[in-house]
Protein backbone atom coordinates (compact mmCIF):
# COMPACT_ATOMS: atom_id res chain seq x y z
CA MET A 1 9.96 -35.98 22.60
CA LYS A 2 12.18 -32.66 22.40
CA ASP A 3 15.29 -32.89 25.29
CA TYR A 4 13.78 -29.94 27.51
CA ASN A 5 15.86 -30.17 30.63
CA ALA A 6 13.30 -31.15 33.21
CA ALA A 7 14.20 -28.68 36.29
CA SER A 8 14.14 -25.71 33.81
CA ARG A 9 11.11 -23.20 33.44
CA HIS A 10 9.32 -23.32 30.15
CA ILE A 11 7.92 -20.13 28.77
CA ALA A 12 5.50 -20.09 26.15
CA VAL A 13 6.24 -17.22 23.64
CA LEU A 14 3.37 -15.88 21.13
CA ALA A 15 4.50 -13.95 18.38
CA PHE A 16 2.34 -11.68 16.05
CA PRO A 17 3.76 -12.16 12.42
CA MET A 18 2.94 -9.31 10.13
CA GLY A 19 5.10 -6.18 10.15
CA THR A 20 8.04 -5.76 12.45
CA HIS A 21 6.62 -7.58 15.83
CA ALA A 22 8.22 -10.82 15.78
CA ALA A 23 11.70 -9.87 15.10
CA PRO A 24 11.96 -7.66 18.22
CA LEU A 25 9.81 -10.37 20.36
CA LEU A 26 12.83 -12.84 19.40
CA SER A 27 15.70 -10.53 20.29
CA PHE A 28 13.83 -9.69 23.78
CA ILE A 29 13.44 -13.33 23.99
CA ARG A 30 17.22 -13.85 23.43
CA GLN A 31 18.07 -11.36 25.99
CA ILE A 32 15.76 -12.71 28.66
CA SER A 33 17.52 -16.26 27.95
CA THR A 34 21.04 -14.79 28.12
CA ALA A 35 20.05 -13.02 31.66
CA ALA A 36 18.26 -16.30 32.81
CA PRO A 37 20.03 -19.37 31.21
CA ASP A 38 18.04 -22.06 32.90
CA LEU A 39 14.80 -21.36 31.30
CA THR A 40 13.63 -22.58 27.93
CA PHE A 41 11.13 -21.55 25.22
CA SER A 42 8.74 -22.56 22.80
CA PHE A 43 8.46 -19.49 20.00
CA PHE A 44 4.76 -20.17 18.28
CA SER A 45 4.27 -18.23 15.07
CA THR A 46 3.35 -18.69 11.46
CA ALA A 47 5.76 -20.62 9.41
CA GLU A 48 6.52 -17.94 6.92
CA SER A 49 7.19 -15.59 10.21
CA ASN A 50 9.10 -18.29 11.84
CA ALA A 51 11.51 -18.89 8.48
CA SER A 52 11.94 -15.13 8.12
CA THR A 53 12.62 -14.61 12.16
CA PHE A 54 15.16 -17.03 12.72
CA ARG A 55 16.50 -17.82 9.04
CA THR A 56 19.81 -19.38 10.13
CA ASP A 57 19.03 -19.01 14.06
CA SER A 58 16.13 -22.12 14.22
CA THR A 59 18.84 -24.58 16.27
CA LEU A 60 18.72 -22.18 18.92
CA ASP A 61 19.16 -24.47 22.50
CA LYS A 62 17.14 -22.48 24.45
CA ILE A 63 14.54 -21.39 21.99
CA LYS A 64 12.51 -24.25 19.73
CA THR A 65 10.14 -22.57 16.85
CA TYR A 66 6.69 -24.10 16.59
CA ASP A 67 4.22 -23.17 13.71
CA VAL A 68 0.64 -22.09 14.11
CA TRP A 69 -2.13 -21.86 10.94
CA ASN A 70 -1.81 -18.61 9.65
CA GLY A 71 -5.54 -18.70 8.76
CA LEU A 72 -5.72 -18.46 5.53
CA PRO A 73 -8.38 -20.47 3.34
CA LYS A 74 -7.24 -23.37 1.14
CA GLY A 75 -6.10 -21.94 -2.23
CA TYR A 76 -5.90 -18.26 -1.23
CA VAL A 77 -4.08 -16.45 -3.53
CA PHE A 78 -2.49 -13.21 -2.35
CA LYS A 79 -3.82 -10.43 -4.34
CA GLY A 80 -1.89 -7.06 -2.91
CA ASN A 81 -4.02 -5.89 -0.04
CA HIS A 82 -1.76 -6.36 2.74
CA ALA A 83 -4.41 -6.13 5.37
CA GLU A 84 -6.42 -9.23 3.80
CA PRO A 85 -4.24 -11.87 5.18
CA ALA A 86 -3.57 -10.01 8.55
CA GLU A 87 -7.57 -9.83 8.79
CA TYR A 88 -7.50 -13.66 8.14
CA PHE A 89 -4.80 -14.34 11.00
CA VAL A 90 -6.92 -12.50 13.53
CA LYS A 91 -10.28 -14.44 12.92
CA ALA A 92 -8.09 -17.58 13.38
CA LEU A 93 -7.03 -16.40 17.14
CA PRO A 94 -6.97 -18.02 19.55
CA GLY A 95 -7.82 -21.35 18.26
CA ASN A 96 -4.41 -21.53 16.36
CA PHE A 97 -1.96 -20.89 19.07
CA ARG A 98 -4.22 -23.06 21.66
CA GLU A 99 -3.92 -25.86 19.10
CA ALA A 100 -0.11 -25.63 18.31
CA MET A 101 0.49 -25.26 22.26
CA ASP A 102 -1.44 -28.20 23.30
CA LYS A 103 0.53 -30.20 21.12
CA VAL A 104 3.90 -28.93 22.25
CA THR A 105 2.67 -29.61 25.88
CA ALA A 106 1.94 -33.25 24.98
CA GLU A 107 5.21 -33.62 23.15
CA THR A 108 7.43 -32.09 25.60
CA GLY A 109 5.36 -33.56 28.73
CA LYS A 110 6.30 -29.97 30.26
CA ARG A 111 3.65 -27.61 31.35
CA PHE A 112 4.23 -23.93 30.68
CA ASP A 113 5.30 -21.92 33.67
CA CYS A 114 5.00 -18.36 32.39
CA LEU A 115 3.08 -16.78 29.24
CA VAL A 116 5.05 -13.94 26.98
CA THR A 117 2.96 -12.71 23.90
CA ASP A 118 2.68 -9.72 21.73
CA ALA A 119 0.82 -7.30 23.60
CA PHE A 120 -1.99 -7.64 20.62
CA TYR A 121 -2.98 -10.98 21.84
CA TRP A 122 -5.79 -10.21 24.65
CA PHE A 123 -6.44 -13.66 24.68
CA GLY A 124 -3.59 -14.13 27.00
CA ALA A 125 -5.31 -12.93 30.27
CA ASP A 126 -7.72 -15.99 29.87
CA MET A 127 -4.72 -18.26 28.79
CA ALA A 128 -2.73 -17.70 31.64
CA ALA A 129 -5.37 -17.77 34.06
CA GLU A 130 -6.97 -21.19 33.03
CA MET A 131 -2.95 -22.23 33.56
CA GLN A 132 -2.35 -20.36 36.48
CA ILE A 133 0.92 -18.93 35.32
CA PRO A 134 1.92 -15.42 34.88
CA TRP A 135 1.21 -12.93 31.62
CA VAL A 136 4.01 -11.02 30.21
CA PRO A 137 2.86 -8.72 27.20
CA LEU A 138 5.19 -6.99 25.29
CA TRP A 139 4.28 -3.85 23.32
CA THR A 140 6.83 -2.91 20.94
CA SER A 141 5.37 0.53 20.11
CA GLY A 142 5.06 4.27 22.24
CA PRO A 143 3.48 4.25 25.65
CA ARG A 144 0.94 7.08 24.09
CA ALA A 145 -0.21 5.04 21.42
CA LEU A 146 -0.67 2.05 24.11
CA LEU A 147 -2.54 4.72 26.61
CA ILE A 148 -5.13 5.32 23.82
CA HIS A 149 -5.81 1.65 23.50
CA VAL A 150 -6.49 1.56 26.90
CA GLU A 151 -8.55 4.59 26.99
CA THR A 152 -10.49 3.93 24.04
CA ASP A 153 -14.11 3.36 25.42
CA LYS A 154 -13.52 6.87 27.16
CA ILE A 155 -12.15 8.58 24.13
CA ARG A 156 -15.59 7.14 22.18
CA ARG A 157 -17.78 8.35 24.77
CA HIS A 158 -16.05 12.14 24.35
CA LEU A 159 -15.48 12.16 20.72
CA GLY A 160 -17.90 9.75 19.39
CA ILE A 161 -16.75 7.19 17.03
CA GLU A 162 -17.84 9.22 13.91
CA GLY A 163 -16.99 12.66 15.55
CA ASP A 164 -15.14 15.82 14.68
CA PRO A 165 -11.88 15.20 13.42
CA GLU A 166 -10.50 18.47 14.87
CA LYS A 167 -11.64 17.77 18.17
CA THR A 168 -8.98 17.43 20.73
CA LEU A 169 -8.57 15.05 23.85
CA ASP A 170 -8.30 17.50 26.30
CA PHE A 171 -9.95 15.20 28.73
CA LEU A 172 -6.68 13.45 29.00
CA PRO A 173 -3.90 14.52 30.56
CA ASP A 174 -1.10 15.71 28.34
CA PHE A 175 -3.08 14.97 25.31
CA SER A 176 -4.50 18.10 24.82
CA MET A 177 -2.30 18.93 21.60
CA ILE A 178 -3.72 15.69 20.19
CA ARG A 179 -6.99 15.53 17.79
CA ALA A 180 -9.44 12.73 16.81
CA SER A 181 -7.56 12.56 13.31
CA ASP A 182 -4.45 11.77 14.82
CA LEU A 183 -5.61 8.58 16.94
CA PRO A 184 -4.61 5.03 15.54
CA ASP A 185 -7.10 3.57 12.95
CA GLY A 186 -9.91 1.67 14.84
CA VAL A 187 -9.89 4.16 17.71
CA VAL A 188 -12.63 6.53 16.19
CA LEU A 189 -13.27 7.99 12.85
CA ARG A 190 -11.75 4.90 10.54
CA ASN A 191 -12.04 1.30 10.21
CA VAL A 192 -13.39 0.71 13.95
CA HIS A 193 -15.10 -2.26 13.26
CA SER A 194 -12.51 -4.03 11.66
CA PRO A 195 -11.16 -7.80 12.86
CA PHE A 196 -7.78 -5.61 13.84
CA ALA A 197 -9.57 -2.68 15.60
CA GLU A 198 -11.04 -5.17 17.59
CA MET A 199 -8.33 -6.95 18.73
CA LEU A 200 -6.92 -3.60 19.72
CA HIS A 201 -9.79 -2.79 21.59
CA LYS A 202 -9.80 -6.08 23.35
CA MET A 203 -6.26 -5.58 23.82
CA GLY A 204 -6.69 -2.59 25.87
CA LEU A 205 -9.49 -4.16 28.39
CA ALA A 206 -7.33 -7.07 29.05
CA LEU A 207 -4.03 -5.43 29.69
CA PRO A 208 -4.73 -4.67 33.19
CA ARG A 209 -5.04 -7.96 33.78
CA ALA A 210 -1.14 -8.61 32.73
CA THR A 211 1.31 -9.63 35.74
CA ALA A 212 3.58 -7.17 33.83
CA VAL A 213 3.43 -5.28 30.54
CA ALA A 214 6.86 -4.24 29.16
CA ALA A 215 7.09 -1.57 26.31
CA ASN A 216 9.78 -0.31 23.79
CA SER A 217 10.36 2.84 25.45
CA PHE A 218 12.39 4.77 28.51
CA GLU A 219 10.89 6.19 31.73
CA GLU A 220 12.37 9.48 31.02
CA LEU A 221 10.94 10.16 27.38
CA ASP A 222 7.28 10.49 28.57
CA PRO A 223 6.88 10.58 32.30
CA ILE A 224 3.36 11.45 32.63
CA ILE A 225 2.06 8.92 30.11
CA THR A 226 4.25 6.28 31.97
CA ASN A 227 2.74 7.04 35.66
CA MET A 228 -0.78 7.01 34.15
CA LEU A 229 0.07 3.61 32.46
CA LYS A 230 1.28 2.68 35.97
CA SER A 231 -1.56 3.30 37.61
CA ARG A 232 -3.47 1.36 35.31
CA PHE A 233 -1.65 -1.80 34.87
CA ARG A 234 -0.27 -4.23 38.19
CA LYS A 235 3.33 -3.50 36.45
CA PHE A 236 4.33 -1.26 33.80
CA LEU A 237 7.95 -1.64 32.72
CA ASN A 238 9.78 0.48 30.26
CA ILE A 239 12.75 -1.58 28.68
CA GLY A 240 13.71 0.21 25.81
CA PRO A 241 14.67 1.82 23.48
CA PHE A 242 15.40 -1.41 21.70
CA CYS A 243 17.82 0.01 19.16
CA ARG A 244 19.83 0.40 22.05
CA THR A 245 18.94 -2.47 24.51
CA LEU A 246 18.68 -4.95 21.25
CA PRO A 247 20.88 -3.67 18.82
CA PRO A 248 20.64 -5.65 15.21
CA PRO A 249 23.78 -6.90 13.94
CA PHE A 250 25.53 -4.70 11.97
CA SER A 251 25.85 -5.00 8.32
CA ASP A 252 26.56 -2.36 5.75
CA SER A 253 26.92 -4.54 2.34
CA HIS A 254 26.23 -1.29 0.18
CA GLY A 255 29.00 0.89 1.53
CA CYS A 256 26.38 3.34 3.33
CA ILE A 257 28.98 4.47 6.24
CA GLU A 258 32.08 5.07 3.84
CA TRP A 259 29.74 6.99 1.61
CA LEU A 260 28.65 9.08 4.73
CA HIS A 261 32.42 9.72 5.78
CA LYS A 262 32.67 11.63 2.96
CA GLN A 263 29.74 14.17 3.21
CA GLU A 264 29.74 17.40 5.56
CA PRO A 265 28.41 17.43 8.53
CA ALA A 266 24.43 17.47 9.38
CA SER A 267 24.22 17.80 5.70
CA VAL A 268 22.65 14.52 4.28
CA ALA A 269 19.09 14.00 3.86
CA TYR A 270 18.35 10.27 5.06
CA ILE A 271 15.16 8.50 3.53
CA SER A 272 13.43 5.73 4.55
CA PHE A 273 9.88 4.81 4.66
CA GLY A 274 10.14 1.33 6.62
CA SER A 275 9.82 -2.03 5.65
CA VAL A 276 5.94 -2.36 4.34
CA VAL A 277 5.07 1.16 2.43
CA ILE A 278 6.18 2.35 -0.56
CA PRO A 279 4.76 5.96 -1.23
CA PRO A 280 2.54 6.22 -4.33
CA PRO A 281 4.64 7.30 -7.67
CA HIS A 282 3.51 10.87 -7.95
CA GLU A 283 4.99 11.52 -4.29
CA LEU A 284 8.36 9.89 -4.85
CA ALA A 285 8.59 12.04 -7.95
CA ALA A 286 7.69 14.95 -5.86
CA LEU A 287 10.03 14.23 -3.23
CA ALA A 288 12.94 13.33 -5.92
CA GLU A 289 12.37 16.94 -7.46
CA ALA A 290 12.85 18.26 -4.00
CA LEU A 291 16.02 16.88 -3.31
CA GLU A 292 17.22 18.32 -6.89
CA ASP A 293 15.81 21.76 -6.27
CA VAL A 294 17.66 21.85 -2.82
CA GLY A 295 20.71 20.38 -3.99
CA SER A 296 21.63 18.43 -0.40
CA PRO A 297 23.33 14.89 -0.67
CA TYR A 298 20.62 12.08 0.05
CA LEU A 299 20.86 8.46 0.88
CA TRP A 300 17.60 6.53 0.25
CA SER A 301 16.99 3.19 1.41
CA PHE A 302 14.68 2.26 -1.39
CA ARG A 303 12.08 -0.65 -1.66
CA GLY A 304 11.43 -1.41 -5.01
CA ASP A 305 13.38 -0.49 -8.53
CA PRO A 306 14.30 3.23 -8.27
CA GLU A 307 14.78 3.52 -12.11
CA LYS A 308 11.14 2.65 -12.64
CA LEU A 309 9.73 4.39 -9.73
CA LEU A 310 11.39 7.56 -9.62
CA PRO A 311 11.68 10.44 -12.46
CA LYS A 312 13.34 9.31 -15.84
CA GLU A 313 16.88 10.32 -15.36
CA PHE A 314 16.95 11.54 -11.60
CA VAL A 315 19.07 8.58 -10.57
CA GLU A 316 21.70 9.56 -13.18
CA ARG A 317 21.60 13.00 -12.90
CA SER A 318 22.30 12.81 -9.02
CA LYS A 319 24.30 10.17 -8.65
CA GLU A 320 27.34 12.39 -7.66
CA ARG A 321 25.69 13.82 -4.49
CA GLY A 322 22.95 10.73 -3.90
CA LYS A 323 23.23 7.22 -3.09
CA ILE A 324 20.22 4.89 -3.52
CA VAL A 325 20.47 1.68 -1.62
CA PRO A 326 17.95 -1.48 -1.05
CA TRP A 327 18.83 -1.55 2.73
CA ALA A 328 20.58 0.50 4.78
CA PRO A 329 22.10 0.39 8.53
CA GLN A 330 19.48 2.62 9.65
CA LEU A 331 20.59 3.29 13.27
CA LYS A 332 24.05 3.60 12.24
CA VAL A 333 23.29 5.75 9.61
CA LEU A 334 21.55 8.19 12.04
CA GLU A 335 24.37 8.33 14.22
CA HIS A 336 26.60 9.35 11.73
CA PRO A 337 27.44 13.10 12.02
CA SER A 338 26.97 13.64 8.24
CA VAL A 339 23.21 13.15 8.62
CA GLY A 340 21.11 16.28 9.05
CA VAL A 341 17.56 15.23 8.63
CA PHE A 342 15.16 12.05 8.39
CA ILE A 343 12.36 11.48 6.09
CA THR A 344 10.35 9.02 7.50
CA HIS A 345 6.97 7.15 7.90
CA CYS A 346 7.02 7.72 11.59
CA GLY A 347 6.93 3.99 12.86
CA TRP A 348 7.95 4.15 16.55
CA ASN A 349 11.30 2.24 15.92
CA SER A 350 12.17 5.05 13.50
CA VAL A 351 11.13 7.69 15.81
CA LEU A 352 13.49 6.14 18.53
CA GLU A 353 16.42 5.31 16.37
CA SER A 354 16.17 9.22 15.38
CA MET A 355 16.23 10.14 18.62
CA VAL A 356 18.74 7.81 19.55
CA GLY A 357 20.79 9.71 16.46
CA GLY A 358 20.01 12.67 17.65
CA VAL A 359 18.47 13.89 13.86
CA PRO A 360 15.32 15.94 13.35
CA LEU A 361 12.48 14.46 11.27
CA ILE A 362 10.17 15.13 8.47
CA VAL A 363 7.15 13.06 8.52
CA ARG A 364 5.03 11.74 5.99
CA PRO A 365 2.76 8.97 7.90
CA PHE A 366 0.65 6.62 6.22
CA PHE A 367 -1.26 4.01 8.74
CA GLY A 368 -1.93 2.83 12.34
CA GLU A 369 0.09 5.15 15.23
CA GLN A 370 1.97 6.92 12.68
CA ASN A 371 -0.47 9.95 12.65
CA LEU A 372 0.03 10.13 16.46
CA ASN A 373 3.64 9.77 16.46
CA ASN A 374 3.95 12.68 13.71
CA ARG A 375 1.74 14.62 16.03
CA PHE A 376 4.12 14.00 19.15
CA VAL A 377 7.28 14.64 16.82
CA GLU A 378 6.03 18.06 15.75
CA ALA A 379 3.49 19.50 18.17
CA VAL A 380 4.58 17.96 21.64
CA TRP A 381 8.68 17.19 21.69
CA GLY A 382 9.32 19.99 18.93
CA MET A 383 11.47 17.57 16.93
CA GLY A 384 10.60 17.66 13.45
CA LEU A 385 7.82 18.41 10.94
CA GLY A 386 4.82 17.03 9.65
CA VAL A 387 4.60 17.36 5.80
CA GLU A 388 2.29 20.14 4.73
CA GLY A 389 -0.79 18.79 3.80
CA GLY A 390 -0.28 15.16 4.90
CA ILE A 391 1.28 14.23 1.36
CA LEU A 392 4.70 14.78 -0.33
CA THR A 393 4.83 17.40 -2.73
CA LYS A 394 7.76 19.42 -4.06
CA ASP A 395 7.03 22.54 -2.62
CA ALA A 396 6.07 21.30 0.86
CA MET A 397 9.52 19.21 1.05
CA VAL A 398 11.74 21.76 -0.64
CA LYS A 399 10.38 24.30 2.47
CA ALA A 400 10.63 21.61 5.23
CA LEU A 401 14.30 20.19 4.05
CA LYS A 402 15.47 24.08 3.66
CA LEU A 403 13.96 24.96 7.16
CA ILE A 404 15.52 21.71 9.05
CA LEU A 405 18.85 21.84 7.24
CA SER A 406 19.40 25.81 7.04
CA THR A 407 17.60 27.46 9.39
CA GLU A 408 17.95 28.39 13.40
CA GLU A 409 14.70 26.49 13.71
CA GLY A 410 16.28 23.48 12.57
CA GLU A 411 18.85 24.16 14.84
CA LYS A 412 16.64 24.23 17.96
CA MET A 413 15.03 20.77 16.96
CA ARG A 414 18.57 19.22 16.81
CA LYS A 415 19.13 20.20 20.30
CA LYS A 416 15.58 19.10 21.42
CA ILE A 417 16.03 15.95 19.92
CA GLY A 418 19.71 15.60 21.65
CA VAL A 419 17.91 16.43 25.28
CA HIS A 420 16.10 13.22 24.20
CA LYS A 421 19.30 11.29 23.16
CA GLU A 422 20.92 11.94 26.49
CA LEU A 423 17.87 10.97 28.40
CA ALA A 424 17.82 7.48 26.23
CA LEU A 425 21.55 7.12 26.84
CA LYS A 426 21.55 7.35 30.41
CA ALA A 427 18.15 4.95 30.83
CA VAL A 428 20.36 2.24 29.52
CA GLU A 429 22.85 2.67 31.60
CA PRO A 430 23.99 0.00 34.31
CA ASN A 431 21.92 1.55 37.11
CA GLY A 432 19.50 3.18 34.26
CA SER A 433 15.47 3.21 34.66
CA THR A 434 15.76 0.31 31.61
CA THR A 435 18.13 -1.50 32.99
CA LYS A 436 16.89 -2.13 36.34
CA ASN A 437 12.94 -2.60 34.60
CA PHE A 438 14.40 -5.41 32.78
CA GLU A 439 16.11 -7.07 35.78
CA ASN A 440 12.95 -6.72 37.41
CA LEU A 441 10.88 -8.35 34.32
CA VAL A 442 13.58 -11.35 34.25
CA LYS A 443 12.78 -12.22 38.16
CA ILE A 444 9.07 -12.03 37.00
CA ILE A 445 9.69 -14.32 34.15
CA SER A 446 12.27 -16.84 35.94
CA ASN A 447 10.95 -17.12 39.67
CA HIS A 448 7.31 -16.07 39.97
């Protein structure tokens, strides 16, 4: 039997193992553990996810890991389709978690006192109700995407599942600039019957039953949307941006910051498409050609082999003004005064990090909520550009780079994102909205 303090409250933590979900949930739990040291946590995810997320930290006294079945059939061979393992995992829910949790309860002799889950896990509502304990889901993306999932049925009634892609969401306050084609996959138009879409739909219906919903944003970024979510949930608490409240440990083994010190202010194009997607070869070639044409220095966090994936001789030709690395300390890079523009897939973490760094964006979205984030960055917040035509071409990238790095319009974007930066930094101050919301959340988890 594990050595759990009999007097401490026992918190079950259910992570989503795909993409960048488990790591911020663990960082959040560490922050809760520091604020409420009498709590103990059982952290449930797949064996692969736990090995990657915890690495050398699996012996943390207060946070113990437990593996759940990943849903893959015996002898499964991955053939390159990243959606397939995720769909198998979703089909295994919630039985794989129930089985693992029952084992832990039997092993420790201690019931769970609170359930903290990734917001995807709609079944947390029933689970918590059965155990008569609080349910606190964590939404790691933006509040607007969250509201879309809560309002999916209403959106489908207005737009139709296979309706006009250009029709706008003017029936939702502050969404008149958003078109059906901007919505995350699975809401309308695309993949509406996939296991993933069905999971998100069920999530939107279940979240109003949560004790409190926590999100990676800050009150001042989107007050209208925040108030709408507060009216739909028992309690809605913005506890971000995580890049400020849960900063990753700083590491710069490839010398990015030292290289940036040698560049002119606001001159560098920083490029990263996240940890999942690699753009197709013709788009990578177009981006490389645009960088050469414009002649601005660039720092490229590149997944894969640049010698194979980028145009022949590009790396050699541009080595005097460019730096290509397999990984970069993104937040520190974006906060560096030399960086003038961020070329990105527009994942929510990247949007927030760009905000905190005060750097305008050029966006090439790929899937999920990235289209929605792109639309708000460009049309609502005015702090970046979507790539013309939706894919990377040489002409579109030359035009976008010149506009942001060399024109008055680009300077206006920098000022607009600077306003959001100040609001984000105020939110995490000792009396800021994020700090107060986090304190409220600690009380819910530790004293309910």
